[in-house]
Amino acid sequence: MASINVPVKGLTGLINILALDTANTIAEVATAASVAEGLTVGYYEVMSLERNPDSNSVDAPTDTIASLNFVGASGTDPFTDIDEDTDIFYFKPLQAGQTKQYLQEQRIDIAELKRQGGPTANTSLPCYRTLNTANLSLLPSVYVGNTSTPNPHPSGLQEGRPWE
């Protein structure tokens, strides 16, 4: 088939443009996008087409990009190559049936990747922060399963916690 630039808004909120083929299925796009973002694949629940949420990785995983009449980006720069007619896939994080510990770690991992400038470590992004490495032991308490467990802080709480 033909090549197409597919914009995908990941869990970090950053948009990646993937160079794919119009014969790729929604499930294949979801896999490629989660790998490109660099987070644990288990964090992703569903990927949907913005203009039609029924076209998603759960209900229609075998639909192809071509069958969706997908309008791709004009290039690979998410800041300049997406216009109002461009279609975008977006992800929803997995939440149902998870422990509070899993959800706490998921939120911290997503925030950490975003603060590090995304998977490409782009320091010019507005979301980049110099304090971008999470240390869960700096939090006042963490979850173990579904139970909140206080962290001992002999020297008091650190400003900017949990970021180092």
C-alpha atoms as a PDB file:
ATOM      1  CA  MET A   1       0.000   0.000   0.000  1.00  0.00           C
ATOM      2  CA  ALA A   2       1.208   3.535   0.725  1.00  0.00           C
ATOM      3  CA  SER A   3       3.217   5.245   3.424  1.00  0.00           C
ATOM      4  CA  ILE A   4       1.459   7.652   5.769  1.00  0.00           C
ATOM      5  CA  ASN A   5       2.500   9.843   8.722  1.00  0.00           C
ATOM      6  CA  VAL A   6       0.290   8.863  11.676  1.00  0.00           C
ATOM      7  CA  PRO A   7       0.069  11.290  14.637  1.00  0.00           C
ATOM      8  CA  VAL A   8      -0.476   9.586  18.001  1.00  0.00           C
ATOM      9  CA  LYS A   9      -0.996  11.431  21.291  1.00  0.00           C
ATOM     10  CA  GLY A  10       0.451   9.202  23.975  1.00  0.00           C
ATOM     11  CA  LEU A  11      -0.049   9.000  27.719  1.00  0.00           C
ATOM     12  CA  THR A  12       2.486  11.783  28.288  1.00  0.00           C
ATOM     13  CA  GLY A  13       0.342  14.127  26.205  1.00  0.00           C
ATOM     14  CA  LEU A  14       3.151  14.465  23.663  1.00  0.00           C
ATOM     15  CA  ILE A  15       2.416  13.741  20.001  1.00  0.00           C
ATOM     16  CA  ASN A  16       4.615  11.320  18.068  1.00  0.00           C
ATOM     17  CA  ILE A  17       4.289  11.011  14.305  1.00  0.00           C
ATOM     18  CA  LEU A  18       4.863   7.454  13.129  1.00  0.00           C
ATOM     19  CA  ALA A  19       5.774   6.603   9.534  1.00  0.00           C
ATOM     20  CA  LEU A  20       3.517   3.627   8.805  1.00  0.00           C
ATOM     21  CA  ASP A  21       1.725   1.933   5.937  1.00  0.00           C
ATOM     22  CA  THR A  22      -1.964   2.421   5.177  1.00  0.00           C
ATOM     23  CA  ALA A  23      -2.337  -1.382   5.391  1.00  0.00           C
ATOM     24  CA  ASN A  24      -1.437  -1.330   9.109  1.00  0.00           C
ATOM     25  CA  THR A  25      -4.276  -2.199  11.478  1.00  0.00           C
ATOM     26  CA  ILE A  26      -5.330  -0.125  14.481  1.00  0.00           C
ATOM     27  CA  ALA A  27      -3.818  -2.801  16.735  1.00  0.00           C
ATOM     28  CA  GLU A  28      -0.487  -2.493  14.904  1.00  0.00           C
ATOM     29  CA  VAL A  29      -0.591   1.298  15.228  1.00  0.00           C
ATOM     30  CA  ALA A  30      -1.269   0.966  18.977  1.00  0.00           C
ATOM     31  CA  THR A  31       1.691  -1.373  19.436  1.00  0.00           C
ATOM     32  CA  ALA A  32       4.044   0.837  17.404  1.00  0.00           C
ATOM     33  CA  ALA A  33       2.906   3.960  19.251  1.00  0.00           C
ATOM     34  CA  SER A  34       3.321   2.472  22.736  1.00  0.00           C
ATOM     35  CA  VAL A  35       6.818   1.256  21.851  1.00  0.00           C
ATOM     36  CA  ALA A  36       7.724   4.664  20.373  1.00  0.00           C
ATOM     37  CA  GLU A  37       6.578   6.455  23.525  1.00  0.00           C
ATOM     38  CA  GLY A  38       8.823   4.296  25.699  1.00  0.00           C
ATOM     39  CA  LEU A  39       6.444   3.407  28.523  1.00  0.00           C
ATOM     40  CA  THR A  40       5.430  -0.023  29.782  1.00  0.00           C
ATOM     41  CA  VAL A  41       2.949  -1.493  27.284  1.00  0.00           C
ATOM     42  CA  GLY A  42       0.704  -2.529  30.201  1.00  0.00           C
ATOM     43  CA  TYR A  43      -0.026   1.147  30.940  1.00  0.00           C
ATOM     44  CA  TYR A  44      -2.121   1.500  27.768  1.00  0.00           C
ATOM     45  CA  GLU A  45      -5.786   0.503  27.774  1.00  0.00           C
ATOM     46  CA  VAL A  46      -7.195   1.680  24.472  1.00  0.00           C
ATOM     47  CA  MET A  47      -6.180   3.817  21.522  1.00  0.00           C
ATOM     48  CA  SER A  48      -8.979   5.652  19.687  1.00  0.00           C
ATOM     49  CA  LEU A  49      -9.291   7.797  16.609  1.00  0.00           C
ATOM     50  CA  GLU A  50     -10.079  11.340  17.766  1.00  0.00           C
ATOM     51  CA  ARG A  51     -12.858  12.016  15.245  1.00  0.00           C
ATOM     52  CA  ASN A  52     -14.459   8.584  15.775  1.00  0.00           C
ATOM     53  CA  PRO A  53     -13.804   6.925  19.171  1.00  0.00           C
ATOM     54  CA  ASP A  54     -15.569   3.755  17.934  1.00  0.00           C
ATOM     55  CA  SER A  55     -12.499   3.177  15.745  1.00  0.00           C
ATOM     56  CA  ASN A  56     -10.261   1.901  18.516  1.00  0.00           C
ATOM     57  CA  SER A  57      -7.785  -0.808  19.434  1.00  0.00           C
ATOM     58  CA  VAL A  58     -10.381  -2.795  21.426  1.00  0.00           C
ATOM     59  CA  ASP A  59     -13.574  -2.698  19.326  1.00  0.00           C
ATOM     60  CA  ALA A  60     -12.031  -2.492  15.855  1.00  0.00           C
ATOM     61  CA  PRO A  61      -8.417  -3.740  16.103  1.00  0.00           C
ATOM     62  CA  THR A  62      -8.363  -5.165  12.564  1.00  0.00           C
ATOM     63  CA  ASP A  63      -9.559  -1.996  10.812  1.00  0.00           C
ATOM     64  CA  THR A  64      -6.780  -0.635   8.632  1.00  0.00           C
ATOM     65  CA  ILE A  65      -5.607   2.953   8.347  1.00  0.00           C
ATOM     66  CA  ALA A  66      -6.843   2.961   4.744  1.00  0.00           C
ATOM     67  CA  SER A  67     -10.345   1.749   5.718  1.00  0.00           C
ATOM     68  CA  LEU A  68     -10.677   4.673   8.158  1.00  0.00           C
ATOM     69  CA  ASN A  69      -9.985   7.248   5.421  1.00  0.00           C
ATOM     70  CA  PHE A  70      -7.269   8.474   7.761  1.00  0.00           C
ATOM     71  CA  VAL A  71      -5.814  11.916   7.024  1.00  0.00           C
ATOM     72  CA  GLY A  72      -2.141  11.821   7.986  1.00  0.00           C
ATOM     73  CA  ALA A  73       0.274  14.587   8.880  1.00  0.00           C
ATOM     74  CA  SER A  74       2.156  16.362   6.104  1.00  0.00           C
ATOM     75  CA  GLY A  75       5.513  15.483   7.696  1.00  0.00           C
ATOM     76  CA  THR A  76       7.089  14.196  10.892  1.00  0.00           C
ATOM     77  CA  ASP A  77       7.229  17.358  13.009  1.00  0.00           C
ATOM     78  CA  PRO A  78       4.306  17.433  15.471  1.00  0.00           C
ATOM     79  CA  PHE A  79       4.661  21.207  15.875  1.00  0.00           C
ATOM     80  CA  THR A  80       4.417  22.177  12.204  1.00  0.00           C
ATOM     81  CA  ASP A  81       3.021  19.248  10.201  1.00  0.00           C
ATOM     82  CA  ILE A  82      -0.407  18.817  11.805  1.00  0.00           C
ATOM     83  CA  ASP A  83      -3.341  20.982  10.745  1.00  0.00           C
ATOM     84  CA  GLU A  84      -7.069  21.057  11.531  1.00  0.00           C
ATOM     85  CA  ASP A  85      -7.829  18.289   8.996  1.00  0.00           C
ATOM     86  CA  THR A  86      -5.212  15.862  10.334  1.00  0.00           C
ATOM     87  CA  ASP A  87      -6.516  12.802  12.169  1.00  0.00           C
ATOM     88  CA  ILE A  88      -4.935  11.868  15.500  1.00  0.00           C
ATOM     89  CA  PHE A  89      -5.041   8.675  17.529  1.00  0.00           C
ATOM     90  CA  TYR A  90      -4.963   9.109  21.295  1.00  0.00           C
ATOM     91  CA  PHE A  91      -4.378   6.731  24.208  1.00  0.00           C
ATOM     92  CA  LYS A  92      -6.301   6.176  27.419  1.00  0.00           C
ATOM     93  CA  PRO A  93      -4.316   4.793  30.379  1.00  0.00           C
ATOM     94  CA  LEU A  94      -5.261   1.459  31.924  1.00  0.00           C
ATOM     95  CA  GLN A  95      -6.983   2.048  35.258  1.00  0.00           C
ATOM     96  CA  ALA A  96      -9.815  -0.412  35.873  1.00  0.00           C
ATOM     97  CA  GLY A  97      -8.962  -3.333  38.135  1.00  0.00           C
ATOM     98  CA  GLN A  98      -5.542  -1.992  39.146  1.00  0.00           C
ATOM     99  CA  THR A  99      -4.188  -1.507  42.658  1.00  0.00           C
ATOM    100  CA  LYS A 100      -3.542   1.963  44.042  1.00  0.00           C
ATOM    101  CA  GLN A 101       0.178   1.110  44.038  1.00  0.00           C
ATOM    102  CA  TYR A 102       0.070   0.315  40.308  1.00  0.00           C
ATOM    103  CA  LEU A 103      -1.809   3.554  39.548  1.00  0.00           C
ATOM    104  CA  GLN A 104       0.599   5.645  41.680  1.00  0.00           C
ATOM    105  CA  GLU A 105       3.632   4.141  39.921  1.00  0.00           C
ATOM    106  CA  GLN A 106       1.961   4.539  36.519  1.00  0.00           C
ATOM    107  CA  ARG A 107       1.311   8.267  37.105  1.00  0.00           C
ATOM    108  CA  ILE A 108       4.878   8.834  38.317  1.00  0.00           C
ATOM    109  CA  ASP A 109       6.402   6.927  35.353  1.00  0.00           C
ATOM    110  CA  ILE A 110       4.320   8.916  32.847  1.00  0.00           C
ATOM    111  CA  ALA A 111       5.195  12.242  34.528  1.00  0.00           C
ATOM    112  CA  GLU A 112       8.880  11.277  34.669  1.00  0.00           C
ATOM    113  CA  LEU A 113       9.043  10.539  30.938  1.00  0.00           C
ATOM    114  CA  LYS A 114       7.286  13.805  30.155  1.00  0.00           C
ATOM    115  CA  ARG A 115       9.610  15.817  32.456  1.00  0.00           C
ATOM    116  CA  GLN A 116      12.593  14.183  30.691  1.00  0.00           C
ATOM    117  CA  GLY A 117      11.445  15.569  27.334  1.00  0.00           C
ATOM    118  CA  GLY A 118       9.679  12.454  26.082  1.00  0.00           C
ATOM    119  CA  PRO A 119      11.293   9.370  24.574  1.00  0.00           C
ATOM    120  CA  THR A 120      13.794  11.490  22.614  1.00  0.00           C
ATOM    121  CA  ALA A 121      14.868  13.510  25.698  1.00  0.00           C
ATOM    122  CA  ASN A 122      14.086  16.761  23.891  1.00  0.00           C
ATOM    123  CA  THR A 123      15.255  19.463  26.311  1.00  0.00           C
ATOM    124  CA  SER A 124      13.626  22.222  24.231  1.00  0.00           C
ATOM    125  CA  LEU A 125      10.081  20.990  24.966  1.00  0.00           C
ATOM    126  CA  PRO A 126       8.105  23.169  27.403  1.00  0.00           C
ATOM    127  CA  CYS A 127       7.430  20.099  29.585  1.00  0.00           C
ATOM    128  CA  TYR A 128      11.162  19.395  30.140  1.00  0.00           C
ATOM    129  CA  ARG A 129      12.419  19.889  33.698  1.00  0.00           C
ATOM    130  CA  THR A 130      15.932  19.613  35.127  1.00  0.00           C
ATOM    131  CA  LEU A 131      14.512  17.820  38.176  1.00  0.00           C
ATOM    132  CA  ASN A 132      13.153  14.920  36.158  1.00  0.00           C
ATOM    133  CA  THR A 133      14.009  11.694  37.982  1.00  0.00           C
ATOM    134  CA  ALA A 134      11.413  10.335  40.381  1.00  0.00           C
ATOM    135  CA  ASN A 135      12.338   8.870  43.751  1.00  0.00           C
ATOM    136  CA  LEU A 136       9.277   7.331  45.404  1.00  0.00           C
ATOM    137  CA  SER A 137      11.024   7.222  48.779  1.00  0.00           C
ATOM    138  CA  LEU A 138      10.765  11.044  48.863  1.00  0.00           C
ATOM    139  CA  LEU A 139       6.955  10.920  48.886  1.00  0.00           C
ATOM    140  CA  PRO A 140       5.234  11.305  52.267  1.00  0.00           C
ATOM    141  CA  SER A 141       3.641   7.887  51.721  1.00  0.00           C
ATOM    142  CA  VAL A 142       3.426   5.253  49.027  1.00  0.00           C
ATOM    143  CA  TYR A 143       0.901   2.558  48.322  1.00  0.00           C
ATOM    144  CA  VAL A 144       1.697  -1.084  48.900  1.00  0.00           C
ATOM    145  CA  GLY A 145      -1.147  -2.796  47.107  1.00  0.00           C
ATOM    146  CA  ASN A 146      -4.128  -0.689  48.188  1.00  0.00           C
ATOM    147  CA  THR A 147      -2.690   0.326  51.569  1.00  0.00           C
ATOM    148  CA  SER A 148      -1.072   3.705  52.128  1.00  0.00           C
ATOM    149  CA  THR A 149       2.287   3.228  53.846  1.00  0.00           C
ATOM    150  CA  PRO A 150       4.128   6.207  55.372  1.00  0.00           C
ATOM    151  CA  ASN A 151       7.720   6.807  54.285  1.00  0.00           C
ATOM    152  CA  PRO A 152      10.090   7.691  57.131  1.00  0.00           C
ATOM    153  CA  HIS A 153      11.694  11.095  56.605  1.00  0.00           C
ATOM    154  CA  PRO A 154      14.296  11.673  59.341  1.00  0.00           C
ATOM    155  CA  SER A 155      15.375  15.010  57.852  1.00  0.00           C
ATOM    156  CA  GLY A 156      11.846  16.160  56.962  1.00  0.00           C
ATOM    157  CA  LEU A 157      10.122  16.332  53.610  1.00  0.00           C
ATOM    158  CA  GLN A 158      12.195  17.520  50.648  1.00  0.00           C
ATOM    159  CA  GLU A 159      10.975  20.438  48.553  1.00  0.00           C
ATOM    160  CA  GLY A 160      10.069  19.338  45.036  1.00  0.00           C
ATOM    161  CA  ARG A 161       9.439  15.746  46.105  1.00  0.00           C
ATOM    162  CA  PRO A 162       9.565  13.195  44.495  1.00  0.00           C
ATOM    163  CA  TRP A 163      11.766  14.844  41.836  1.00  0.00           C
ATOM    164  CA  GLU A 164      15.552  14.830  41.975  1.00  0.00           C
END
